[in-house]
């Protein structure tokens, strides 16, 4: 996945997240555009944490079907384990992944 594709997916996810967070949007409506952007990003990260996900996983969740989400999530986690040089089982344990 290219960097621009990841950025585009994240932007799409934030747009969908804003639709799911009308209370947040109402609370920040009087802030500057930059401040709104920051608040939305922080709230998105908090939502990911609340769901036990990394922000990139929540982005994936918002931009794919449930089936695609699980498959792509595991692929990306396996890539991360490889990059880190960690055995898959150990990586799963460290990240509370149930496979």
PDB file of N, CA and C in Angstrom:
ATOM      1  N   UNK A   1       0.854  -1.181   0.000  1.00  0.00           N
ATOM      2  CA  UNK A   1       0.000   0.000   0.000  1.00  0.00           C
ATOM      3  C   UNK A   1       0.896   1.240   0.000  1.00  0.00           C
ATOM      4  N   UNK A   2       0.670   2.145  -0.931  1.00  0.00           N
ATOM      5  CA  UNK A   2       1.505   3.331  -1.014  1.00  0.00           C
ATOM      6  C   UNK A   2       1.115   4.342   0.050  1.00  0.00           C
ATOM      7  N   UNK A   3       2.027   5.256   0.307  1.00  0.00           N
ATOM      8  CA  UNK A   3       1.778   6.268   1.338  1.00  0.00           C
ATOM      9  C   UNK A   3       0.550   7.110   0.993  1.00  0.00           C
ATOM     10  N   UNK A   4       0.437   7.528  -0.272  1.00  0.00           N
ATOM     11  CA  UNK A   4      -0.715   8.356  -0.638  1.00  0.00           C
ATOM     12  C   UNK A   4      -2.018   7.576  -0.497  1.00  0.00           C
ATOM     13  N   UNK A   5      -1.983   6.287  -0.802  1.00  0.00           N
ATOM     14  CA  UNK A   5      -3.179   5.469  -0.634  1.00  0.00           C
ATOM     15  C   UNK A   5      -3.567   5.397   0.839  1.00  0.00           C
ATOM     16  N   UNK A   6      -2.571   5.245   1.714  1.00  0.00           N
ATOM     17  CA  UNK A   6      -2.853   5.228   3.151  1.00  0.00           C
ATOM     18  C   UNK A   6      -3.438   6.563   3.592  1.00  0.00           C
ATOM     19  N   UNK A   7      -2.869   7.648   3.110  1.00  0.00           N
ATOM     20  CA  UNK A   7      -3.386   8.981   3.469  1.00  0.00           C
ATOM     21  C   UNK A   7      -4.813   9.152   2.959  1.00  0.00           C
ATOM     22  N   UNK A   8      -5.075   8.711   1.738  1.00  0.00           N
ATOM     23  CA  UNK A   8      -6.421   8.821   1.176  1.00  0.00           C
ATOM     24  C   UNK A   8      -7.416   7.995   1.981  1.00  0.00           C
ATOM     25  N   UNK A   9      -7.014   6.780   2.344  1.00  0.00           N
ATOM     26  CA  UNK A   9      -7.899   5.925   3.155  1.00  0.00           C
ATOM     27  C   UNK A   9      -8.187   6.577   4.493  1.00  0.00           C
ATOM     28  N   UNK A  10      -7.147   7.180   5.088  1.00  0.00           N
ATOM     29  CA  UNK A  10      -7.337   7.815   6.391  1.00  0.00           C
ATOM     30  C   UNK A  10      -8.292   9.005   6.269  1.00  0.00           C
ATOM     31  N   UNK A  11      -8.154   9.786   5.209  1.00  0.00           N
ATOM     32  CA  UNK A  11      -9.071  10.913   4.989  1.00  0.00           C
ATOM     33  C   UNK A  11     -10.500  10.413   4.826  1.00  0.00           C
ATOM     34  N   UNK A  12     -10.676   9.322   4.067  1.00  0.00           N
ATOM     35  CA  UNK A  12     -12.009   8.728   3.891  1.00  0.00           C
ATOM     36  C   UNK A  12     -12.559   8.257   5.237  1.00  0.00           C
ATOM     37  N   UNK A  13     -11.700   7.626   6.026  1.00  0.00           N
ATOM     38  CA  UNK A  13     -12.126   7.129   7.337  1.00  0.00           C
ATOM     39  C   UNK A  13     -12.554   8.277   8.236  1.00  0.00           C
ATOM     40  N   UNK A  14     -11.796   9.376   8.214  1.00  0.00           N
ATOM     41  CA  UNK A  14     -12.155  10.529   9.050  1.00  0.00           C
ATOM     42  C   UNK A  14     -13.490  11.122   8.615  1.00  0.00           C
ATOM     43  N   UNK A  15     -13.737  11.160   7.316  1.00  0.00           N
ATOM     44  CA  UNK A  15     -15.026  11.675   6.824  1.00  0.00           C
ATOM     45  C   UNK A  15     -16.174  10.803   7.338  1.00  0.00           C
ATOM     46  N   UNK A  16     -15.999   9.492   7.280  1.00  0.00           N
ATOM     47  CA  UNK A  16     -17.040   8.578   7.783  1.00  0.00           C
ATOM     48  C   UNK A  16     -17.170   8.694   9.300  1.00  0.00           C
ATOM     49  N   UNK A  17     -16.041   8.850   9.967  1.00  0.00           N
ATOM     50  CA  UNK A  17     -16.056   8.991  11.427  1.00  0.00           C
ATOM     51  C   UNK A  17     -16.843  10.241  11.833  1.00  0.00           C
ATOM     52  N   UNK A  18     -16.655  11.329  11.101  1.00  0.00           N
ATOM     53  CA  UNK A  18     -17.374  12.573  11.419  1.00  0.00           C
ATOM     54  C   UNK A  18     -18.882  12.360  11.352  1.00  0.00           C
ATOM     55  N   UNK A  19     -19.329  11.532  10.422  1.00  0.00           N
ATOM     56  CA  UNK A  19     -20.764  11.233  10.318  1.00  0.00           C
ATOM     57  C   UNK A  19     -21.256  10.443  11.531  1.00  0.00           C
ATOM     58  N   UNK A  20     -20.360   9.650  12.111  1.00  0.00           N
ATOM     59  CA  UNK A  20     -20.707   8.852  13.295  1.00  0.00           C
ATOM     60  C   UNK A  20     -20.564   9.641  14.596  1.00  0.00           C
ATOM     61  N   UNK A  21     -20.048  10.870  14.505  1.00  0.00           N
ATOM     62  CA  UNK A  21     -19.764  11.655  15.712  1.00  0.00           C
ATOM     63  C   UNK A  21     -20.408  13.042  15.655  1.00  0.00           C
ATOM     64  N   UNK A  22     -21.741  13.099  15.516  1.00  0.00           N
ATOM     65  CA  UNK A  22     -22.397  14.407  15.406  1.00  0.00           C
ATOM     66  C   UNK A  22     -22.198  15.279  16.646  1.00  0.00           C
ATOM     67  N   UNK A  23     -22.113  14.648  17.811  1.00  0.00           N
ATOM     68  CA  UNK A  23     -21.910  15.428  19.040  1.00  0.00           C
ATOM     69  C   UNK A  23     -20.551  16.121  19.009  1.00  0.00           C
ATOM     70  N   UNK A  24     -19.518  15.403  18.586  1.00  0.00           N
ATOM     71  CA  UNK A  24     -18.191  15.992  18.458  1.00  0.00           C
ATOM     72  C   UNK A  24     -18.221  17.156  17.480  1.00  0.00           C
ATOM     73  N   UNK A  25     -18.846  16.952  16.346  1.00  0.00           N
ATOM     74  CA  UNK A  25     -18.887  18.002  15.327  1.00  0.00           C
ATOM     75  C   UNK A  25     -19.603  19.236  15.850  1.00  0.00           C
ATOM     76  N   UNK A  26     -20.640  19.039  16.640  1.00  0.00           N
ATOM     77  CA  UNK A  26     -21.360  20.174  17.222  1.00  0.00           C
ATOM     78  C   UNK A  26     -20.476  20.904  18.234  1.00  0.00           C
ATOM     79  N   UNK A  27     -19.724  20.144  19.035  1.00  0.00           N
ATOM     80  CA  UNK A  27     -18.865  20.737  20.059  1.00  0.00           C
ATOM     81  C   UNK A  27     -17.730  21.560  19.470  1.00  0.00           C
ATOM     82  N   UNK A  28     -17.250  21.188  18.292  1.00  0.00           N
ATOM     83  CA  UNK A  28     -16.080  21.871  17.730  1.00  0.00           C
ATOM     84  C   UNK A  28     -16.419  22.827  16.590  1.00  0.00           C
ATOM     85  N   UNK A  29     -17.692  23.036  16.319  1.00  0.00           N
ATOM     86  CA  UNK A  29     -18.107  23.817  15.147  1.00  0.00           C
ATOM     87  C   UNK A  29     -17.577  25.251  15.137  1.00  0.00           C
ATOM     88  N   UNK A  30     -17.299  25.818  16.311  1.00  0.00           N
ATOM     89  CA  UNK A  30     -16.843  27.205  16.377  1.00  0.00           C
ATOM     90  C   UNK A  30     -15.320  27.341  16.359  1.00  0.00           C
ATOM     91  N   UNK A  31     -14.621  26.214  16.295  1.00  0.00           N
ATOM     92  CA  UNK A  31     -13.158  26.254  16.249  1.00  0.00           C
ATOM     93  C   UNK A  31     -12.681  26.543  14.823  1.00  0.00           C
ATOM     94  N   UNK A  32     -11.420  26.964  14.708  1.00  0.00           N
ATOM     95  CA  UNK A  32     -10.843  27.169  13.383  1.00  0.00           C
ATOM     96  C   UNK A  32     -10.759  25.831  12.660  1.00  0.00           C
ATOM     97  N   UNK A  33     -10.606  25.874  11.351  1.00  0.00           N
ATOM     98  CA  UNK A  33     -10.528  24.648  10.552  1.00  0.00           C
ATOM     99  C   UNK A  33      -9.378  23.763  11.022  1.00  0.00           C
ATOM    100  N   UNK A  34      -8.218  24.361  11.303  1.00  0.00           N
ATOM    101  CA  UNK A  34      -7.069  23.580  11.772  1.00  0.00           C
ATOM    102  C   UNK A  34      -7.350  22.928  13.121  1.00  0.00           C
ATOM    103  N   UNK A  35      -7.966  23.689  14.030  1.00  0.00           N
ATOM    104  CA  UNK A  35      -8.287  23.137  15.346  1.00  0.00           C
ATOM    105  C   UNK A  35      -9.328  22.026  15.234  1.00  0.00           C
ATOM    106  N   UNK A  36     -10.302  22.211  14.347  1.00  0.00           N
ATOM    107  CA  UNK A  36     -11.292  21.147  14.131  1.00  0.00           C
ATOM    108  C   UNK A  36     -10.615  19.883  13.635  1.00  0.00           C
ATOM    109  N   UNK A  37      -9.706  20.043  12.689  1.00  0.00           N
ATOM    110  CA  UNK A  37      -8.979  18.899  12.127  1.00  0.00           C
ATOM    111  C   UNK A  37      -8.226  18.154  13.230  1.00  0.00           C
ATOM    112  N   UNK A  38      -7.540  18.903  14.095  1.00  0.00           N
ATOM    113  CA  UNK A  38      -6.802  18.294  15.210  1.00  0.00           C
ATOM    114  C   UNK A  38      -7.749  17.555  16.155  1.00  0.00           C
ATOM    115  N   UNK A  39      -8.843  18.189  16.516  1.00  0.00           N
ATOM    116  CA  UNK A  39      -9.796  17.584  17.448  1.00  0.00           C
ATOM    117  C   UNK A  39     -10.389  16.303  16.878  1.00  0.00           C
ATOM    118  N   UNK A  40     -10.697  16.307  15.576  1.00  0.00           N
ATOM    119  CA  UNK A  40     -11.252  15.116  14.930  1.00  0.00           C
ATOM    120  C   UNK A  40     -10.219  13.996  14.950  1.00  0.00           C
ATOM    121  N   UNK A  41      -8.962  14.329  14.634  1.00  0.00           N
ATOM    122  CA  UNK A  41      -7.900  13.309  14.636  1.00  0.00           C
ATOM    123  C   UNK A  41      -7.731  12.718  16.032  1.00  0.00           C
ATOM    124  N   UNK A  42      -7.708  13.569  17.047  1.00  0.00           N
ATOM    125  CA  UNK A  42      -7.540  13.088  18.427  1.00  0.00           C
ATOM    126  C   UNK A  42      -8.716  12.208  18.845  1.00  0.00           C
ATOM    127  N   UNK A  43      -9.913  12.633  18.496  1.00  0.00           N
ATOM    128  CA  UNK A  43     -11.105  11.848  18.843  1.00  0.00           C
ATOM    129  C   UNK A  43     -11.074  10.498  18.117  1.00  0.00           C
ATOM    130  N   UNK A  44     -10.611  10.503  16.867  1.00  0.00           N
ATOM    131  CA  UNK A  44     -10.487   9.267  16.091  1.00  0.00           C
ATOM    132  C   UNK A  44      -9.512   8.319  16.778  1.00  0.00           C
ATOM    133  N   UNK A  45      -8.371   8.852  17.213  1.00  0.00           N
ATOM    134  CA  UNK A  45      -7.373   8.031  17.909  1.00  0.00           C
ATOM    135  C   UNK A  45      -7.932   7.489  19.223  1.00  0.00           C
ATOM    136  N   UNK A  46      -8.692   8.325  19.943  1.00  0.00           N
ATOM    137  CA  UNK A  46      -9.326   7.873  21.189  1.00  0.00           C
ATOM    138  C   UNK A  46     -10.341   6.759  20.907  1.00  0.00           C
ATOM    139  N   UNK A  47     -11.086   6.908  19.819  1.00  0.00           N
ATOM    140  CA  UNK A  47     -12.069   5.885  19.441  1.00  0.00           C
ATOM    141  C   UNK A  47     -11.377   4.569  19.108  1.00  0.00           C
ATOM    142  N   UNK A  48     -10.253   4.660  18.402  1.00  0.00           N
ATOM    143  CA  UNK A  48      -9.489   3.441  18.085  1.00  0.00           C
ATOM    144  C   UNK A  48      -9.065   2.752  19.374  1.00  0.00           C
ATOM    145  N   UNK A  49      -8.528   3.521  20.300  1.00  0.00           N
ATOM    146  CA  UNK A  49      -8.083   2.960  21.580  1.00  0.00           C
ATOM    147  C   UNK A  49      -9.251   2.329  22.332  1.00  0.00           C
ATOM    148  N   UNK A  50     -10.398   3.009  22.312  1.00  0.00           N
ATOM    149  CA  UNK A  50     -11.580   2.491  23.007  1.00  0.00           C
ATOM    150  C   UNK A  50     -12.028   1.155  22.415  1.00  0.00           C
ATOM    151  N   UNK A  51     -11.772   0.952  21.118  1.00  0.00           N
ATOM    152  CA  UNK A  51     -12.143  -0.302  20.461  1.00  0.00           C
ATOM    153  C   UNK A  51     -11.013  -1.330  20.514  1.00  0.00           C
ATOM    154  N   UNK A  52      -9.909  -0.965  21.164  1.00  0.00           N
ATOM    155  CA  UNK A  52      -8.778  -1.885  21.255  1.00  0.00           C
ATOM    156  C   UNK A  52      -8.015  -2.010  19.950  1.00  0.00           C
ATOM    157  N   UNK A  53      -8.057  -0.950  19.139  1.00  0.00           N
ATOM    158  CA  UNK A  53      -7.404  -0.951  17.834  1.00  0.00           C
ATOM    159  C   UNK A  53      -6.341   0.132  17.757  1.00  0.00           C
ATOM    160  N   UNK A  54      -5.436  -0.031  16.816  1.00  0.00           N
ATOM    161  CA  UNK A  54      -4.516   1.035  16.453  1.00  0.00           C
ATOM    162  C   UNK A  54      -5.278   1.980  15.522  1.00  0.00           C
ATOM    163  N   UNK A  55      -4.891   3.265  15.451  1.00  0.00           N
ATOM    164  CA  UNK A  55      -5.588   4.171  14.525  1.00  0.00           C
ATOM    165  C   UNK A  55      -5.624   3.656  13.083  1.00  0.00           C
ATOM    166  N   UNK A  56      -4.535   3.021  12.618  1.00  0.00           N
ATOM    167  CA  UNK A  56      -4.549   2.509  11.234  1.00  0.00           C
ATOM    168  C   UNK A  56      -5.563   1.386  11.077  1.00  0.00           C
ATOM    169  N   UNK A  57      -5.802   0.638  12.154  1.00  0.00           N
ATOM    170  CA  UNK A  57      -6.790  -0.431  12.090  1.00  0.00           C
ATOM    171  C   UNK A  57      -8.207   0.151  12.002  1.00  0.00           C
ATOM    172  N   UNK A  58      -8.452   1.233  12.742  1.00  0.00           N
ATOM    173  CA  UNK A  58      -9.764   1.877  12.673  1.00  0.00           C
ATOM    174  C   UNK A  58      -9.969   2.479  11.282  1.00  0.00           C
ATOM    175  N   UNK A  59      -8.909   3.034  10.701  1.00  0.00           N
ATOM    176  CA  UNK A  59      -8.992   3.533   9.323  1.00  0.00           C
ATOM    177  C   UNK A  59      -9.405   2.400   8.399  1.00  0.00           C
ATOM    178  N   UNK A  60      -8.762   1.266   8.551  1.00  0.00           N
ATOM    179  CA  UNK A  60      -9.081   0.096   7.733  1.00  0.00           C
ATOM    180  C   UNK A  60     -10.527  -0.341   7.958  1.00  0.00           C
ATOM    181  N   UNK A  61     -10.958  -0.303   9.206  1.00  0.00           N
ATOM    182  CA  UNK A  61     -12.326  -0.715   9.550  1.00  0.00           C
ATOM    183  C   UNK A  61     -13.362   0.183   8.865  1.00  0.00           C
ATOM    184  N   UNK A  62     -13.067   1.486   8.804  1.00  0.00           N
ATOM    185  CA  UNK A  62     -13.996   2.434   8.189  1.00  0.00           C
ATOM    186  C   UNK A  62     -13.974   2.389   6.664  1.00  0.00           C
ATOM    187  N   UNK A  63     -12.932   1.807   6.081  1.00  0.00           N
ATOM    188  CA  UNK A  63     -12.798   1.873   4.626  1.00  0.00           C
ATOM    189  C   UNK A  63     -12.843   0.502   3.954  1.00  0.00           C
ATOM    190  N   UNK A  64     -13.321  -0.517   4.662  1.00  0.00           N
ATOM    191  CA  UNK A  64     -13.414  -1.847   4.064  1.00  0.00           C
ATOM    192  C   UNK A  64     -14.610  -2.591   4.651  1.00  0.00           C
ATOM    193  N   UNK A  65     -14.966  -3.681   4.002  1.00  0.00           N
ATOM    194  CA  UNK A  65     -16.028  -4.532   4.532  1.00  0.00           C
ATOM    195  C   UNK A  65     -15.466  -5.287   5.740  1.00  0.00           C
ATOM    196  N   UNK A  66     -16.322  -5.845   6.593  1.00  0.00           N
ATOM    197  CA  UNK A  66     -15.811  -6.607   7.737  1.00  0.00           C
ATOM    198  C   UNK A  66     -14.870  -7.743   7.322  1.00  0.00           C
ATOM    199  N   UNK A  67     -15.190  -8.420   6.217  1.00  0.00           N
ATOM    200  CA  UNK A  67     -14.341  -9.519   5.752  1.00  0.00           C
ATOM    201  C   UNK A  67     -12.981  -8.984   5.296  1.00  0.00           C
ATOM    202  N   UNK A  68     -13.002  -7.916   4.505  1.00  0.00           N
ATOM    203  CA  UNK A  68     -11.757  -7.304   4.033  1.00  0.00           C
ATOM    204  C   UNK A  68     -10.935  -6.807   5.213  1.00  0.00           C
ATOM    205  N   UNK A  69     -11.619  -6.229   6.192  1.00  0.00           N
ATOM    206  CA  UNK A  69     -10.934  -5.688   7.362  1.00  0.00           C
ATOM    207  C   UNK A  69     -10.092  -6.752   8.041  1.00  0.00           C
ATOM    208  N   UNK A  70     -10.689  -7.895   8.347  1.00  0.00           N
ATOM    209  CA  UNK A  70      -9.959  -8.952   9.053  1.00  0.00           C
ATOM    210  C   UNK A  70      -8.779  -9.459   8.232  1.00  0.00           C
ATOM    211  N   UNK A  71      -9.001  -9.672   6.947  1.00  0.00           N
ATOM    212  CA  UNK A  71      -7.937 -10.197   6.092  1.00  0.00           C
ATOM    213  C   UNK A  71      -6.797  -9.185   5.959  1.00  0.00           C
ATOM    214  N   UNK A  72      -7.127  -7.938   5.654  1.00  0.00           N
ATOM    215  CA  UNK A  72      -6.097  -6.915   5.467  1.00  0.00           C
ATOM    216  C   UNK A  72      -5.383  -6.598   6.773  1.00  0.00           C
ATOM    217  N   UNK A  73      -6.125  -6.621   7.849  1.00  0.00           N
ATOM    218  CA  UNK A  73      -5.542  -6.334   9.163  1.00  0.00           C
ATOM    219  C   UNK A  73      -4.443  -7.352   9.481  1.00  0.00           C
ATOM    220  N   UNK A  74      -4.725  -8.623   9.240  1.00  0.00           N
ATOM    221  CA  UNK A  74      -3.726  -9.658   9.514  1.00  0.00           C
ATOM    222  C   UNK A  74      -2.520  -9.520   8.593  1.00  0.00           C
ATOM    223  N   UNK A  75      -2.752  -9.203   7.324  1.00  0.00           N
ATOM    224  CA  UNK A  75      -1.642  -9.017   6.385  1.00  0.00           C
ATOM    225  C   UNK A  75      -0.732  -7.899   6.878  1.00  0.00           C
ATOM    226  N   UNK A  76      -1.326  -6.783   7.272  1.00  0.00           N
ATOM    227  CA  UNK A  76      -0.524  -5.637   7.716  1.00  0.00           C
ATOM    228  C   UNK A  76       0.179  -5.927   9.036  1.00  0.00           C
ATOM    229  N   UNK A  77      -0.464  -6.660   9.919  1.00  0.00           N
ATOM    230  CA  UNK A  77       0.199  -7.040  11.172  1.00  0.00           C
ATOM    231  C   UNK A  77       1.371  -7.982  10.889  1.00  0.00           C
ATOM    232  N   UNK A  78       1.193  -8.905   9.944  1.00  0.00           N
ATOM    233  CA  UNK A  78       2.290  -9.817   9.594  1.00  0.00           C
ATOM    234  C   UNK A  78       3.463  -9.037   9.012  1.00  0.00           C
ATOM    235  N   UNK A  79       3.164  -8.036   8.186  1.00  0.00           N
ATOM    236  CA  UNK A  79       4.221  -7.189   7.636  1.00  0.00           C
ATOM    237  C   UNK A  79       4.960  -6.469   8.768  1.00  0.00           C
ATOM    238  N   UNK A  80       4.215  -5.972   9.728  1.00  0.00           N
ATOM    239  CA  UNK A  80       4.829  -5.273  10.861  1.00  0.00           C
ATOM    240  C   UNK A  80       5.726  -6.219  11.653  1.00  0.00           C
ATOM    241  N   UNK A  81       5.260  -7.431  11.877  1.00  0.00           N
ATOM    242  CA  UNK A  81       6.067  -8.417  12.605  1.00  0.00           C
ATOM    243  C   UNK A  81       7.368  -8.692  11.851  1.00  0.00           C
ATOM    244  N   UNK A  82       7.279  -8.828  10.528  1.00  0.00           N
ATOM    245  CA  UNK A  82       8.470  -9.072   9.710  1.00  0.00           C
ATOM    246  C   UNK A  82       9.447  -7.910   9.808  1.00  0.00           C
ATOM    247  N   UNK A  83       8.919  -6.697   9.689  1.00  0.00           N
ATOM    248  CA  UNK A  83       9.769  -5.500   9.761  1.00  0.00           C
ATOM    249  C   UNK A  83      10.464  -5.427  11.117  1.00  0.00           C
ATOM    250  N   UNK A  84       9.737  -5.768  12.160  1.00  0.00           N
ATOM    251  CA  UNK A  84      10.298  -5.725  13.515  1.00  0.00           C
ATOM    252  C   UNK A  84      11.197  -6.921  13.819  1.00  0.00           C
ATOM    253  N   UNK A  85      11.140  -7.936  12.964  1.00  0.00           N
ATOM    254  CA  UNK A  85      11.942  -9.133  13.190  1.00  0.00           C
ATOM    255  C   UNK A  85      11.453  -9.951  14.369  1.00  0.00           C
ATOM    256  N   UNK A  86      10.142  -9.955  14.573  1.00  0.00           N
ATOM    257  CA  UNK A  86       9.534 -10.667  15.699  1.00  0.00           C
ATOM    258  C   UNK A  86       8.775 -11.872  15.148  1.00  0.00           C
ATOM    259  N   UNK A  87       8.896 -12.999  15.833  1.00  0.00           N
ATOM    260  CA  UNK A  87       8.134 -14.187  15.436  1.00  0.00           C
ATOM    261  C   UNK A  87       6.645 -13.866  15.504  1.00  0.00           C
ATOM    262  N   UNK A  88       5.854 -14.426  14.580  1.00  0.00           N
ATOM    263  CA  UNK A  88       4.428 -14.132  14.484  1.00  0.00           C
ATOM    264  C   UNK A  88       3.690 -14.405  15.797  1.00  0.00           C
ATOM    265  N   UNK A  89       3.956 -15.559  16.418  1.00  0.00           N
ATOM    266  CA  UNK A  89       3.258 -15.904  17.663  1.00  0.00           C
ATOM    267  C   UNK A  89       3.569 -14.890  18.762  1.00  0.00           C
ATOM    268  N   UNK A  90       4.831 -14.503  18.839  1.00  0.00           N
ATOM    269  CA  UNK A  90       5.238 -13.519  19.850  1.00  0.00           C
ATOM    270  C   UNK A  90       4.600 -12.158  19.564  1.00  0.00           C
ATOM    271  N   UNK A  91       4.572 -11.782  18.285  1.00  0.00           N
ATOM    272  CA  UNK A  91       3.956 -10.523  17.899  1.00  0.00           C
ATOM    273  C   UNK A  91       2.480 -10.515  18.280  1.00  0.00           C
ATOM    274  N   UNK A  92       1.787 -11.608  17.990  1.00  0.00           N
ATOM    275  CA  UNK A  92       0.364 -11.709  18.341  1.00  0.00           C
ATOM    276  C   UNK A  92       0.155 -11.545  19.836  1.00  0.00           C
ATOM    277  N   UNK A  93       1.022 -12.180  20.614  1.00  0.00           N
ATOM    278  CA  UNK A  93       0.926 -12.065  22.066  1.00  0.00           C
ATOM    279  C   UNK A  93       1.137 -10.624  22.522  1.00  0.00           C
ATOM    280  N   UNK A  94       2.159  -9.980  21.976  1.00  0.00           N
ATOM    281  CA  UNK A  94       2.486  -8.595  22.363  1.00  0.00           C
ATOM    282  C   UNK A  94       1.363  -7.627  22.003  1.00  0.00           C
ATOM    283  N   UNK A  95       0.640  -7.926  20.930  1.00  0.00           N
ATOM    284  CA  UNK A  95      -0.390  -7.017  20.433  1.00  0.00           C
ATOM    285  C   UNK A  95      -1.810  -7.518  20.708  1.00  0.00           C
ATOM    286  N   UNK A  96      -1.923  -8.529  21.565  1.00  0.00           N
ATOM    287  CA  UNK A  96      -3.239  -9.083  21.919  1.00  0.00           C
ATOM    288  C   UNK A  96      -4.063  -9.454  20.707  1.00  0.00           C
ATOM    289  N   UNK A  97      -3.406 -10.041  19.702  1.00  0.00           N
ATOM    290  CA  UNK A  97      -4.113 -10.486  18.504  1.00  0.00           C
ATOM    291  C   UNK A  97      -4.564 -11.922  18.686  1.00  0.00           C
ATOM    292  N   UNK A  98      -5.790 -12.185  18.358  1.00  0.00           N
ATOM    293  CA  UNK A  98      -6.305 -13.542  18.383  1.00  0.00           C
ATOM    294  C   UNK A  98      -6.476 -13.972  16.938  1.00  0.00           C
ATOM    295  N   UNK A  99      -5.704 -14.997  16.547  1.00  0.00           N
ATOM    296  CA  UNK A  99      -5.733 -15.440  15.151  1.00  0.00           C
ATOM    297  C   UNK A  99      -6.352 -16.815  15.068  1.00  0.00           C
TER     298      UNK A  99
END
